[in-house]
C-alpha atoms as a PDB file:
ATOM      1  CA  MET A   1      17.524   6.838 -27.665  1.00  0.00           C
ATOM      2  CA  ASN A   2      17.717   3.582 -24.670  1.00  0.00           C
ATOM      3  CA  VAL A   3      18.548   4.320 -21.612  1.00  0.00           C
ATOM      4  CA  CYS A   4      18.762   1.515 -18.687  1.00  0.00           C
ATOM      5  CA  ILE A   5      19.429   1.389 -15.066  1.00  0.00           C
ATOM      6  CA  GLU A   6      21.305  -1.907 -14.760  1.00  0.00           C
ATOM      7  CA  ASP A   7      21.644  -1.923 -10.656  1.00  0.00           C
ATOM      8  CA  ILE A   8      18.056  -2.935 -10.524  1.00  0.00           C
ATOM      9  CA  GLN A   9      16.792  -5.782  -8.653  1.00  0.00           C
ATOM     10  CA  VAL A  10      13.607  -7.582  -8.315  1.00  0.00           C
ATOM     11  CA  LYS A  11      12.164  -9.064  -4.869  1.00  0.00           C
ATOM     12  CA  LYS A  12       8.764 -10.351  -3.772  1.00  0.00           C
ATOM     13  CA  GLY A  13       7.389  -7.430  -2.060  1.00  0.00           C
ATOM     14  CA  TYR A  14       4.153  -7.055   0.061  1.00  0.00           C
ATOM     15  CA  ASP A  15       3.135  -3.756  -1.122  1.00  0.00           C
ATOM     16  CA  CYS A  16       3.467  -2.041  -4.278  1.00  0.00           C
ATOM     17  CA  ILE A  17       4.050   1.590  -3.101  1.00  0.00           C
ATOM     18  CA  PHE A  18       6.836   0.438  -0.400  1.00  0.00           C
ATOM     19  CA  ALA A  19       8.393  -2.680  -2.438  1.00  0.00           C
ATOM     20  CA  ASN A  20       8.914   0.054  -5.255  1.00  0.00           C
ATOM     21  CA  MET A  21      10.370   2.799  -2.893  1.00  0.00           C
ATOM     22  CA  GLN A  22      12.048   0.205  -1.066  1.00  0.00           C
ATOM     23  CA  GLU A  23      14.065  -1.025  -4.744  1.00  0.00           C
ATOM     24  CA  ALA A  24      14.572   2.448  -5.805  1.00  0.00           C
ATOM     25  CA  LEU A  25      16.197   4.241  -2.613  1.00  0.00           C
ATOM     26  CA  ARG A  26      18.326   1.103  -2.421  1.00  0.00           C
ATOM     27  CA  VAL A  27      19.979   2.443  -5.536  1.00  0.00           C
ATOM     28  CA  SER A  28      20.527   5.612  -3.892  1.00  0.00           C
ATOM     29  CA  GLY A  29      22.478   3.411  -0.770  1.00  0.00           C
ATOM     30  CA  SER A  30      19.124   4.019   1.368  1.00  0.00           C
ATOM     31  CA  ASN A  31      19.204   1.069   3.993  1.00  0.00           C
ATOM     32  CA  LEU A  32      15.524   1.134   4.466  1.00  0.00           C
ATOM     33  CA  THR A  33      12.913  -1.620   4.876  1.00  0.00           C
ATOM     34  CA  GLU A  34      10.072  -2.041   2.792  1.00  0.00           C
ATOM     35  CA  ALA A  35       7.766  -2.360   6.621  1.00  0.00           C
ATOM     36  CA  ALA A  36       9.987   0.824   7.606  1.00  0.00           C
ATOM     37  CA  LEU A  37       8.922   2.839   4.501  1.00  0.00           C
ATOM     38  CA  PHE A  38       5.566   1.526   5.726  1.00  0.00           C
ATOM     39  CA  PHE A  39       5.640   3.708   8.979  1.00  0.00           C
ATOM     40  CA  LEU A  40       7.953   6.658   7.735  1.00  0.00           C
ATOM     41  CA  CYS A  41       5.121   6.856   5.480  1.00  0.00           C
ATOM     42  CA  GLY A  42       2.665   7.428   7.841  1.00  0.00           C
ATOM     43  CA  GLY A  43       1.055   3.594   6.275  1.00  0.00           C
ATOM     44  CA  MET A  44      -1.750   4.003   3.627  1.00  0.00           C
ATOM     45  CA  ASN A  45      -4.138   5.887   5.265  1.00  0.00           C
ATOM     46  CA  THR A  46      -7.077   4.158   3.058  1.00  0.00           C
ATOM     47  CA  PRO A  47      -9.236   7.151   3.170  1.00  0.00           C
ATOM     48  CA  TYR A  48     -13.693   6.223   2.866  1.00  0.00           C
ATOM     49  CA  LEU A  49     -15.921   8.967   0.818  1.00  0.00           C
ATOM     50  CA  GLY A  50     -18.640   7.191   1.555  1.00  0.00           C
ATOM     51  CA  ASP A  51     -18.346   5.818  -2.075  1.00  0.00           C
ATOM     52  CA  PRO A  52     -16.320   2.497  -2.120  1.00  0.00           C
ATOM     53  CA  LYS A  53     -14.791   3.659  -4.696  1.00  0.00           C
ATOM     54  CA  THR A  54     -12.910   6.393  -2.800  1.00  0.00           C
ATOM     55  CA  PHE A  55     -11.940   2.970  -0.334  1.00  0.00           C
ATOM     56  CA  TRP A  56      -8.208   3.118  -1.916  1.00  0.00           C
ATOM     57  CA  PHE A  57      -5.049   4.002  -1.300  1.00  0.00           C
ATOM     58  CA  GLU A  58      -3.823   7.885  -1.386  1.00  0.00           C
ATOM     59  CA  ARG A  59      -1.910   9.614  -4.313  1.00  0.00           C
ATOM     60  CA  MET A  60       1.387   9.109  -3.946  1.00  0.00           C
ATOM     61  CA  GLU A  61       2.035  12.625  -3.140  1.00  0.00           C
ATOM     62  CA  GLN A  62       0.557  12.189  -0.017  1.00  0.00           C
ATOM     63  CA  ILE A  63       2.443   9.300   0.305  1.00  0.00           C
ATOM     64  CA  THR A  64       5.150  10.665   0.576  1.00  0.00           C
ATOM     65  CA  THR A  65       4.786  13.774   1.845  1.00  0.00           C
ATOM     66  CA  PRO A  66       5.295  12.481   5.847  1.00  0.00           C
ATOM     67  CA  PHE A  67       8.468  10.060   4.489  1.00  0.00           C
ATOM     68  CA  VAL A  68      10.776  13.466   3.511  1.00  0.00           C
ATOM     69  CA  GLN A  69       9.283  15.471   6.741  1.00  0.00           C
ATOM     70  CA  ILE A  70      10.966  12.253   8.576  1.00  0.00           C
ATOM     71  CA  GLN A  71      13.520  11.080   5.920  1.00  0.00           C
ATOM     72  CA  THR A  72      15.023  14.473   4.889  1.00  0.00           C
ATOM     73  CA  GLN A  73      17.482  13.521   3.079  1.00  0.00           C
ATOM     74  CA  PHE A  74      15.490  12.069   0.390  1.00  0.00           C
ATOM     75  CA  SER A  75      13.346  15.276  -1.989  1.00  0.00           C
ATOM     76  CA  PHE A  76      10.792  13.183  -3.834  1.00  0.00           C
ATOM     77  CA  HIS A  77       8.601  15.287  -6.652  1.00  0.00           C
ATOM     78  CA  ASN A  78       4.968  13.637  -7.585  1.00  0.00           C
ATOM     79  CA  THR A  79       3.233  14.896 -10.846  1.00  0.00           C
ATOM     80  CA  SER A  80      -0.443  15.781 -10.446  1.00  0.00           C
ATOM     81  CA  GLN A  81      -2.687  13.820 -12.434  1.00  0.00           C
ATOM     82  CA  GLU A  82      -4.017  16.075 -14.344  1.00  0.00           C
ATOM     83  CA  TYR A  83      -0.815  16.697 -15.922  1.00  0.00           C
ATOM     84  CA  PRO A  84      -0.217  15.137 -19.513  1.00  0.00           C
ATOM     85  CA  VAL A  85       2.462  11.945 -19.098  1.00  0.00           C
ATOM     86  CA  ASN A  86       5.201  11.724 -21.033  1.00  0.00           C
ATOM     87  CA  LEU A  87       7.443   9.194 -20.223  1.00  0.00           C
ATOM     88  CA  VAL A  88      10.039   9.586 -21.755  1.00  0.00           C
ATOM     89  CA  ASN A  89      10.025  13.628 -22.006  1.00  0.00           C
ATOM     90  CA  ASP A  90       9.729  13.492 -18.402  1.00  0.00           C
ATOM     91  CA  CYS A  91      11.742  10.371 -17.151  1.00  0.00           C
ATOM     92  CA  ILE A  92      14.658  10.743 -19.031  1.00  0.00           C
ATOM     93  CA  ASP A  93      17.047  12.536 -17.014  1.00  0.00           C
ATOM     94  CA  SER A  94      16.695  10.762 -13.807  1.00  0.00           C
ATOM     95  CA  LEU A  95      17.128   7.376 -15.364  1.00  0.00           C
ATOM     96  CA  ALA A  96      19.877   8.541 -17.272  1.00  0.00           C
ATOM     97  CA  GLN A  97      21.572  10.057 -13.898  1.00  0.00           C
ATOM     98  CA  GLY A  98      20.372   6.511 -12.510  1.00  0.00           C
ATOM     99  CA  TYR A  99      17.933   7.060 -10.277  1.00  0.00           C
ATOM    100  CA  PRO A 100      14.584   4.672 -10.828  1.00  0.00           C
ATOM    101  CA  VAL A 101      11.493   6.549 -11.426  1.00  0.00           C
ATOM    102  CA  LEU A 102       7.893   5.365  -9.743  1.00  0.00           C
ATOM    103  CA  LEU A 103       4.695   5.198 -12.233  1.00  0.00           C
ATOM    104  CA  SER A 104       1.301   4.955 -10.777  1.00  0.00           C
ATOM    105  CA  VAL A 105      -0.471   3.546 -13.781  1.00  0.00           C
ATOM    106  CA  ARG A 106      -4.072   1.778 -14.289  1.00  0.00           C
ATOM    107  CA  THR A 107      -3.253  -1.553 -14.904  1.00  0.00           C
ATOM    108  CA  ARG A 108      -4.438  -2.372 -17.939  1.00  0.00           C
ATOM    109  CA  CYS A 109      -1.328  -1.224 -19.670  1.00  0.00           C
ATOM    110  CA  LEU A 110       0.701  -3.812 -18.108  1.00  0.00           C
ATOM    111  CA  SER A 111       0.248  -6.071 -20.686  1.00  0.00           C
ATOM    112  CA  TYR A 112       2.834  -8.821 -19.289  1.00  0.00           C
ATOM    113  CA  HIS A 113       0.754 -10.731 -16.861  1.00  0.00           C
ATOM    114  CA  ARG A 114      -3.142 -11.507 -17.551  1.00  0.00           C
ATOM    115  CA  ALA A 115      -3.609 -11.148 -13.936  1.00  0.00           C
ATOM    116  CA  TYR A 116      -3.900  -7.132 -15.233  1.00  0.00           C
ATOM    117  CA  THR A 117      -5.044  -7.359 -18.762  1.00  0.00           C
ATOM    118  CA  GLU A 118      -8.229 -10.055 -17.707  1.00  0.00           C
ATOM    119  CA  ASN A 119      -9.590  -8.328 -14.193  1.00  0.00           C
ATOM    120  CA  ALA A 120     -10.920  -4.940 -13.700  1.00  0.00           C
ATOM    121  CA  ALA A 121      -8.420  -1.579 -14.521  1.00  0.00           C
ATOM    122  CA  ARG A 122      -7.121  -0.273 -10.864  1.00  0.00           C
ATOM    123  CA  GLY A 123      -4.392   1.659  -9.052  1.00  0.00           C
ATOM    124  CA  HIS A 124      -1.206   0.216  -8.679  1.00  0.00           C
ATOM    125  CA  ILE A 125       3.200   1.331  -8.778  1.00  0.00           C
ATOM    126  CA  VAL A 126       5.586   0.135 -10.701  1.00  0.00           C
ATOM    127  CA  THR A 127       9.179   1.157 -11.410  1.00  0.00           C
ATOM    128  CA  LEU A 128      10.706   2.257 -14.582  1.00  0.00           C
ATOM    129  CA  TYR A 129      14.163   1.654 -14.765  1.00  0.00           C
ATOM    130  CA  GLY A 130      14.525   1.556 -18.639  1.00  0.00           C
ATOM    131  CA  LEU A 131      13.478   3.079 -21.901  1.00  0.00           C
ATOM    132  CA  ASP A 132      14.296   2.105 -25.274  1.00  0.00           C
ATOM    133  CA  VAL A 133      12.292   4.694 -27.659  1.00  0.00           C
ATOM    134  CA  GLU A 134      13.153   2.899 -31.281  1.00  0.00           C
ATOM    135  CA  ARG A 135      11.265  -0.368 -29.521  1.00  0.00           C
ATOM    136  CA  ASN A 136       8.725   1.427 -28.151  1.00  0.00           C
ATOM    137  CA  GLU A 137       9.245  -0.263 -24.846  1.00  0.00           C
ATOM    138  CA  ALA A 138       9.728   0.868 -21.516  1.00  0.00           C
ATOM    139  CA  TYR A 139      11.489  -1.627 -18.773  1.00  0.00           C
ATOM    140  CA  VAL A 140       9.854  -2.110 -14.921  1.00  0.00           C
ATOM    141  CA  VAL A 141      10.014  -3.761 -12.012  1.00  0.00           C
ATOM    142  CA  ASP A 142       6.916  -5.091 -10.514  1.00  0.00           C
ATOM    143  CA  PRO A 143       7.394  -6.458  -7.324  1.00  0.00           C
ATOM    144  CA  HIS A 144       4.027  -7.252  -6.393  1.00  0.00           C
ATOM    145  CA  LEU A 145       1.761  -8.513  -9.057  1.00  0.00           C
ATOM    146  CA  ARG A 146      -1.029 -10.175  -7.282  1.00  0.00           C
ATOM    147  CA  ASP A 147      -2.963 -12.850  -9.370  1.00  0.00           C
ATOM    148  CA  LYS A 148      -6.195 -14.228  -8.467  1.00  0.00           C
ATOM    149  CA  SER A 149      -6.008 -16.792  -6.448  1.00  0.00           C
ATOM    150  CA  GLY A 150      -4.041 -13.687  -3.610  1.00  0.00           C
ATOM    151  CA  CYS A 151       0.106 -14.881  -4.935  1.00  0.00           C
ATOM    152  CA  ILE A 152       1.844 -12.590  -5.141  1.00  0.00           C
ATOM    153  CA  HIS A 153       4.250 -12.140  -8.405  1.00  0.00           C
ATOM    154  CA  THR A 154       7.304 -10.462 -10.115  1.00  0.00           C
ATOM    155  CA  TYR A 155       7.891  -8.889 -13.299  1.00  0.00           C
ATOM    156  CA  GLN A 156      11.376  -7.066 -14.628  1.00  0.00           C
ATOM    157  CA  GLY A 157      11.448  -6.441 -17.766  1.00  0.00           C
ATOM    158  CA  PRO A 158       9.798  -4.657 -21.260  1.00  0.00           C
ATOM    159  CA  VAL A 159       6.139  -3.206 -21.354  1.00  0.00           C
ATOM    160  CA  ALA A 160       4.755  -1.360 -24.041  1.00  0.00           C
ATOM    161  CA  LEU A 161       6.275   2.526 -23.813  1.00  0.00           C
ATOM    162  CA  ASP A 162       3.008   3.465 -25.845  1.00  0.00           C
ATOM    163  CA  GLU A 163       0.736   1.551 -23.223  1.00  0.00           C
ATOM    164  CA  LEU A 164       2.681   2.659 -19.821  1.00  0.00           C
ATOM    165  CA  GLU A 165       1.984   6.173 -20.894  1.00  0.00           C
ATOM    166  CA  LYS A 166      -1.626   6.483 -21.795  1.00  0.00           C
ATOM    167  CA  GLY A 167      -2.292   4.121 -18.413  1.00  0.00           C
ATOM    168  CA  CYS A 168       0.283   6.649 -15.906  1.00  0.00           C
ATOM    169  CA  THR A 169      -1.928   8.431 -14.403  1.00  0.00           C
ATOM    170  CA  CYS A 170       0.716  10.393 -11.951  1.00  0.00           C
ATOM    171  CA  ILE A 171       4.958   9.975 -12.236  1.00  0.00           C
ATOM    172  CA  THR A 172       6.956  10.173  -8.350  1.00  0.00           C
ATOM    173  CA  PHE A 173      10.860  11.339  -9.446  1.00  0.00           C
ATOM    174  CA  TYR A 174      13.545  11.452  -5.943  1.00  0.00           C
ATOM    175  CA  ARG A 175      16.713  12.432  -5.412  1.00  0.00           C
ATOM    176  CA  PRO A 176      19.439  11.964  -2.267  1.00  0.00           C
ATOM    177  CA  ILE A 177      20.171  15.238  -1.127  1.00  0.00           C
ATOM    178  CA  SER A 178      22.299  14.058   1.565  1.00  0.00           C
ATOM    179  CA  ASP A 179      25.552  12.083   1.270  1.00  0.00           C
ATOM    180  CA  ASN A 180      24.252  10.487   4.884  1.00  0.00           C
ATOM    181  CA  ARG A 181      21.094   8.381   3.594  1.00  0.00           C
ATOM    182  CA  THR A 182      20.860   5.422   6.037  1.00  0.00           C
ATOM    183  CA  THR A 183      18.088   5.989   8.910  1.00  0.00           C
ATOM    184  CA  PRO A 184      18.551   4.713  12.306  1.00  0.00           C
ATOM    185  CA  ASN A 185      16.426   2.384  13.892  1.00  0.00           C
ATOM    186  CA  ALA A 186      15.126   4.659  16.539  1.00  0.00           C
ATOM    187  CA  VAL A 187      13.906   6.939  14.512  1.00  0.00           C
ATOM    188  CA  VAL A 188      12.008   4.106  12.516  1.00  0.00           C
ATOM    189  CA  THR A 189      10.603   3.078  15.864  1.00  0.00           C
ATOM    190  CA  ARG A 190       9.171   6.142  16.802  1.00  0.00           C
ATOM    191  CA  ALA A 191       7.152   6.793  13.514  1.00  0.00           C
ATOM    192  CA  TYR A 192       6.430   2.701  14.313  1.00  0.00           C
ATOM    193  CA  MET A 193       4.666   4.121  17.286  1.00  0.00           C
ATOM    194  CA  ASP A 194       3.656   7.167  16.472  1.00  0.00           C
ATOM    195  CA  HIS A 195       1.875   5.463  13.326  1.00  0.00           C
ATOM    196  CA  ILE A 196      -0.238   2.992  15.639  1.00  0.00           C
ATOM    197  CA  ALA A 197      -1.169   5.961  18.056  1.00  0.00           C
ATOM    198  CA  SER A 198      -2.585   7.813  14.897  1.00  0.00           C
ATOM    199  CA  PHE A 199      -4.801   5.050  13.471  1.00  0.00           C
ATOM    200  CA  LEU A 200      -5.749   4.238  16.763  1.00  0.00           C
ATOM    201  CA  ASP A 201      -7.868   7.509  16.546  1.00  0.00           C
ATOM    202  CA  TRP A 202     -11.514   7.295  16.351  1.00  0.00           C
ATOM    203  CA  ASP A 203     -11.989  11.221  15.781  1.00  0.00           C
ATOM    204  CA  ARG A 204      -9.449  11.461  12.917  1.00  0.00           C
ATOM    205  CA  ALA A 205     -11.089  12.617   9.470  1.00  0.00           C
ATOM    206  CA  LEU A 206     -12.477   9.958   6.994  1.00  0.00           C
ATOM    207  CA  GLU A 207     -10.352  11.590   4.000  1.00  0.00           C
ATOM    208  CA  THR A 208      -6.676  11.155   6.088  1.00  0.00           C
ATOM    209  CA  GLY A 209      -7.973   7.111   6.907  1.00  0.00           C
ATOM    210  CA  GLY A 210      -7.192   5.434  10.093  1.00  0.00           C
ATOM    211  CA  ILE A 211      -9.901   3.083  12.097  1.00  0.00           C
ATOM    212  CA  ASN A 212     -12.316   5.854  11.368  1.00  0.00           C
ATOM    213  CA  ALA A 213     -12.109   5.730   8.162  1.00  0.00           C
ATOM    214  CA  VAL A 214     -12.538   1.691   8.124  1.00  0.00           C
ATOM    215  CA  ARG A 215     -15.469   1.757  10.679  1.00  0.00           C
ATOM    216  CA  HIS A 216     -17.370   4.214   8.507  1.00  0.00           C
ATOM    217  CA  VAL A 217     -16.956   1.496   5.508  1.00  0.00           C
ATOM    218  CA  ILE A 218     -18.543  -1.593   7.341  1.00  0.00           C
ATOM    219  CA  SER A 219     -21.197   0.741   9.100  1.00  0.00           C
ATOM    220  CA  ASP A 220     -22.371   1.634   5.607  1.00  0.00           C
ATOM    221  CA  LEU A 221     -22.264  -1.980   4.391  1.00  0.00           C
ATOM    222  CA  ALA A 222     -25.623  -2.416   6.254  1.00  0.00           C
ATOM    223  CA  GLU A 223     -27.178   0.731   3.946  1.00  0.00           C
ATOM    224  CA  TRP A 224     -26.413  -2.045   0.421  1.00  0.00           C
ATOM    225  CA  VAL A 225     -29.178  -4.312   1.222  1.00  0.00           C
ATOM    226  CA  THR A 226     -31.044  -2.250  -1.901  1.00  0.00           C
ATOM    227  CA  MET A 227     -28.146  -2.878  -4.320  1.00  0.00           C
ATOM    228  CA  SER A 228     -28.564  -4.456  -7.535  1.00  0.00           C
ATOM    229  CA  LYS A 229     -26.487  -8.029  -7.615  1.00  0.00           C
ATOM    230  CA  GLU A 230     -24.048  -6.405 -10.332  1.00  0.00           C
ATOM    231  CA  GLU A 231     -23.493  -2.834  -7.966  1.00  0.00           C
ATOM    232  CA  LEU A 232     -23.558  -5.296  -4.932  1.00  0.00           C
ATOM    233  CA  GLN A 233     -20.602  -7.225  -6.307  1.00  0.00           C
ATOM    234  CA  GLU A 234     -18.880  -4.339  -7.582  1.00  0.00           C
ATOM    235  CA  SER A 235     -18.472  -2.797  -4.060  1.00  0.00           C
ATOM    236  CA  CYS A 236     -17.837  -5.120  -1.847  1.00  0.00           C
ATOM    237  CA  GLU A 237     -14.874  -6.508  -4.559  1.00  0.00           C
ATOM    238  CA  GLU A 238     -13.681  -2.585  -3.908  1.00  0.00           C
ATOM    239  CA  VAL A 239     -14.030  -3.105  -0.262  1.00  0.00           C
ATOM    240  CA  TYR A 240     -12.559  -6.228   0.269  1.00  0.00           C
ATOM    241  CA  TYR A 241      -9.482  -5.007  -1.715  1.00  0.00           C
ATOM    242  CA  GLY A 242      -9.563  -1.487   0.431  1.00  0.00           C
ATOM    243  CA  LEU A 243      -9.340  -3.508   3.829  1.00  0.00           C
ATOM    244  CA  ARG A 244      -7.177  -6.225   2.672  1.00  0.00           C
ATOM    245  CA  VAL A 245      -4.260  -4.528   0.990  1.00  0.00           C
ATOM    246  CA  GLY A 246      -5.281  -1.180   2.023  1.00  0.00           C
ATOM    247  CA  CYS A 247      -6.063  -1.199   5.428  1.00  0.00           C
ATOM    248  CA  ILE A 248      -6.238  -4.267   7.839  1.00  0.00           C
ATOM    249  CA  LEU A 249      -4.587  -7.693   6.936  1.00  0.00           C
ATOM    250  CA  SER A 250      -1.875  -5.767   5.306  1.00  0.00           C
ATOM    251  CA  HIS A 251      -1.656  -3.450   8.312  1.00  0.00           C
ATOM    252  CA  ILE A 252      -1.349  -6.312  10.549  1.00  0.00           C
ATOM    253  CA  GLU A 253       1.368  -8.125   8.623  1.00  0.00           C
ATOM    254  CA  PHE A 254       3.687  -4.563   8.325  1.00  0.00           C
ATOM    255  CA  ILE A 255       3.864  -4.177  12.154  1.00  0.00           C
ATOM    256  CA  GLN A 256       4.244  -7.811  11.967  1.00  0.00           C
ATOM    257  CA  MET A 257       7.299  -7.593   9.538  1.00  0.00           C
ATOM    258  CA  TYR A 258       8.458  -4.730  11.618  1.00  0.00           C
ATOM    259  CA  ALA A 259       8.302  -6.501  14.769  1.00  0.00           C
ATOM    260  CA  GLU A 260      10.391  -8.871  13.550  1.00  0.00           C
ATOM    261  CA  GLU A 261      13.514  -6.631  11.755  1.00  0.00           C
ATOM    262  CA  ALA A 262      13.589  -4.137  14.912  1.00  0.00           C
ATOM    263  CA  GLY A 263      14.120  -7.474  17.359  1.00  0.00           C
ATOM    264  CA  LEU A 264      11.373  -6.488  19.336  1.00  0.00           C
ATOM    265  CA  VAL A 265      10.086 -10.246  19.087  1.00  0.00           C
ATOM    266  CA  LEU A 266      13.015 -10.958  21.569  1.00  0.00           C
ATOM    267  CA  ARG A 267      11.617  -8.681  23.976  1.00  0.00           C
ATOM    268  CA  PRO A 268       9.573  -9.785  26.889  1.00  0.00           C
ATOM    269  CA  GLY A 269       5.765 -10.151  27.224  1.00  0.00           C
ATOM    270  CA  TYR A 270       5.572  -9.992  22.948  1.00  0.00           C
ATOM    271  CA  HIS A 271       4.132 -13.004  22.205  1.00  0.00           C
ATOM    272  CA  GLU A 272       1.244 -12.345  24.589  1.00  0.00           C
ATOM    273  CA  ALA A 273       0.947  -8.791  23.396  1.00  0.00           C
ATOM    274  CA  MET A 274       0.779  -9.589  19.983  1.00  0.00           C
ATOM    275  CA  PHE A 275      -1.770 -13.213  20.516  1.00  0.00           C
ATOM    276  CA  LEU A 276      -4.525 -11.638  20.277  1.00  0.00           C
ATOM    277  CA  LEU A 277      -3.372  -9.324  16.613  1.00  0.00           C
ATOM    278  CA  GLU A 278      -2.563 -12.520  15.495  1.00  0.00           C
ATOM    279  CA  GLN A 279      -6.254 -14.423  16.442  1.00  0.00           C
ATOM    280  CA  ILE A 280      -8.242 -10.850  14.716  1.00  0.00           C
ATOM    281  CA  TYR A 281      -5.814 -11.343  12.349  1.00  0.00           C
ATOM    282  CA  LYS A 282      -7.282 -14.861  10.993  1.00  0.00           C
ATOM    283  CA  GLU A 283     -10.773 -13.732  12.363  1.00  0.00           C
ATOM    284  CA  TRP A 284     -10.668 -10.666   9.185  1.00  0.00           C
ATOM    285  CA  LYS A 285      -9.619 -12.946   6.853  1.00  0.00           C
ATOM    286  CA  MET A 286     -12.976 -14.911   7.498  1.00  0.00           C
ATOM    287  CA  PHE A 287     -14.843 -12.029   7.013  1.00  0.00           C
ATOM    288  CA  LEU A 288     -13.133 -10.555   4.079  1.00  0.00           C
ATOM    289  CA  LEU A 289     -14.014 -13.891   2.591  1.00  0.00           C
ATOM    290  CA  MET A 290     -17.680 -13.517   3.247  1.00  0.00           C
ATOM    291  CA  LEU A 291     -17.707 -10.156   2.350  1.00  0.00           C
ATOM    292  CA  TYR A 292     -16.647 -11.305  -1.235  1.00  0.00           C
ATOM    293  CA  LYS A 293     -18.983 -14.657  -1.263  1.00  0.00           C
ATOM    294  CA  ILE A 294     -21.886 -12.550  -0.456  1.00  0.00           C
ATOM    295  CA  GLY A 295     -20.810 -10.092  -3.581  1.00  0.00           C
ATOM    296  CA  VAL A 296     -20.332 -12.517  -5.763  1.00  0.00           C
ATOM    297  CA  GLN A 297     -23.949 -14.367  -5.207  1.00  0.00           C
ATOM    298  CA  GLY A 298     -25.475 -11.112  -5.025  1.00  0.00           C
ATOM    299  CA  ARG A 299     -27.281 -11.755  -1.421  1.00  0.00           C
ATOM    300  CA  SER A 300     -27.714  -8.313  -0.714  1.00  0.00           C
ATOM    301  CA  GLU A 301     -30.114  -9.481   2.261  1.00  0.00           C
ATOM    302  CA  ARG A 302     -27.015 -10.138   4.221  1.00  0.00           C
ATOM    303  CA  MET A 303     -24.972  -6.688   4.970  1.00  0.00           C
ATOM    304  CA  LYS A 304     -26.838  -6.149   7.790  1.00  0.00           C
ATOM    305  CA  GLU A 305     -25.628  -8.780   9.171  1.00  0.00           C
ATOM    306  CA  LEU A 306     -22.664  -8.492   8.012  1.00  0.00           C
ATOM    307  CA  SER A 307     -21.448  -5.006   9.286  1.00  0.00           C
ATOM    308  CA  VAL A 308     -22.640  -5.771  13.035  1.00  0.00           C
ATOM    309  CA  SER A 309     -20.080  -8.359  13.072  1.00  0.00           C
ATOM    310  CA  GLY A 310     -18.207  -6.145  10.976  1.00  0.00           C
ATOM    311  CA  LEU A 311     -18.506  -3.261  13.919  1.00  0.00           C
ATOM    312  CA  LYS A 312     -17.592  -6.446  16.469  1.00  0.00           C
ATOM    313  CA  LEU A 313     -14.293  -7.194  15.143  1.00  0.00           C
ATOM    314  CA  LEU A 314     -13.413  -3.881  14.066  1.00  0.00           C
ATOM    315  CA  ASP A 315     -13.593  -3.147  18.468  1.00  0.00           C
ATOM    316  CA  LYS A 316     -11.822  -6.000  18.994  1.00  0.00           C
ATOM    317  CA  TYR A 317      -8.918  -4.815  16.578  1.00  0.00           C
ATOM    318  CA  ALA A 318      -8.967  -1.965  18.129  1.00  0.00           C
ATOM    319  CA  GLU A 319      -8.888  -3.663  22.045  1.00  0.00           C
ATOM    320  CA  ALA A 320      -5.695  -5.498  20.727  1.00  0.00           C
ATOM    321  CA  LEU A 321      -3.611  -3.727  18.717  1.00  0.00           C
ATOM    322  CA  GLY A 322      -4.114  -0.618  21.506  1.00  0.00           C
ATOM    323  CA  GLY A 323      -2.982  -3.407  24.283  1.00  0.00           C
ATOM    324  CA  TYR A 324      -0.125  -4.179  22.130  1.00  0.00           C
ATOM    325  CA  LEU A 325       1.112  -0.302  21.915  1.00  0.00           C
ATOM    326  CA  ARG A 326       1.052  -0.602  25.485  1.00  0.00           C
ATOM    327  CA  TRP A 327       3.150  -2.867  25.923  1.00  0.00           C
ATOM    328  CA  LEU A 328       5.690  -1.425  23.019  1.00  0.00           C
ATOM    329  CA  GLY A 329       5.393   2.351  24.697  1.00  0.00           C
ATOM    330  CA  ASN A 330       6.710   0.217  27.741  1.00  0.00           C
ATOM    331  CA  GLN A 331       9.444  -1.215  25.489  1.00  0.00           C
ATOM    332  CA  VAL A 332      10.571   1.653  24.719  1.00  0.00           C
ATOM    333  CA  GLU A 333      11.210   3.981  27.482  1.00  0.00           C
ATOM    334  CA  ARG A 334      13.313   1.078  28.796  1.00  0.00           C
END
C-alpha cells in the first residue's frame, strides 16, 4: 500500500504547530500565514498547573477549537490521547483524498535528526503526507526542527512507520467545508487584537494560559531553592522552553510578524508603540539565558532572586503590550 500527496512543500517555520497547519491548509487553498493562524487559534495559551512539566503547549483540540469557531470554512477532528493510534487505518483515507494529517508526537520517534534522538523527548508536531507500508516508511514534513544551539532546520522525507506510530499521541484531521477558503484581513486583525487583550487578563484561569499563568510560574521559581541539582536543571529547562517557545519570545515574534504582514508597520506611531516591546524582548532573552545557566550549574540559591527580577520584567511586559494594544485600537477605529 503506497499513497503520497505530491503538492507538499516544506519551508522553515517559527513554531511547529502553526507552520504545519499553514502548509496543510495551503494544500486546500487557504491563504493564511503562520502568524495569522497563531492569532486565529488564540495563541499558544500555554497552561500552568503548578508543575514545570505542565508548562507546555495545549493539546491540539484546544488549539484548533477557537480556529474553527472563526474559520467556518474548515473543520478539524482530533483523536483522543487515550486512542490507540494506527497510522495506516486512521490516515489512509485522508491522504488518498489529498489532505495532509497533523501528528502530535514525542520527538524520540523522529530518527532523522540527532536533535531528537540524543535529547529528552518533547512534544512536537509534524505533517504526515505519505505512507509506504511495504517499506515501513511514513513521509513527513518537519518545518521547525530546532537543534541544541537554537537554529531552525527543516526536514521532508521518510521516517520509520512503526517508530512514528509508537511515538504518536494524537492525530489531527481537517476538511474544507466551503468553496471559499480564503480569509479577509479584517477577520485576522480582530483576532490579533482579541488575543492580545485576552493574554493581558490577570484574572484568567491558569489552565487557559495567558499572562496570569506566566506570573505564577515565575513566582514559583522562588520555591525551587530546595531542589536537588538534577531536579533544578530539569525544571529550569522545562520553564525555559515554555517561556521561549510557548509564551513570551514567540508571542512577541508573532505580534511583530503579523504587524508586518498586515501593513501596520507603515502606520504612524507604530515604531514608537513597538519600541518598548523590542527592548523587553532583549531583556527576556537575557532572563531566559540566566534561567538556563542557573539550572545547568545547579545554583538553586539564585532562584529567589531570579523570580523577583522575572516578575518585574513581566510587569514591564504587560505595560508595553498594553500600550501597543491601545495604539492598535486607535488604528483599527480609523
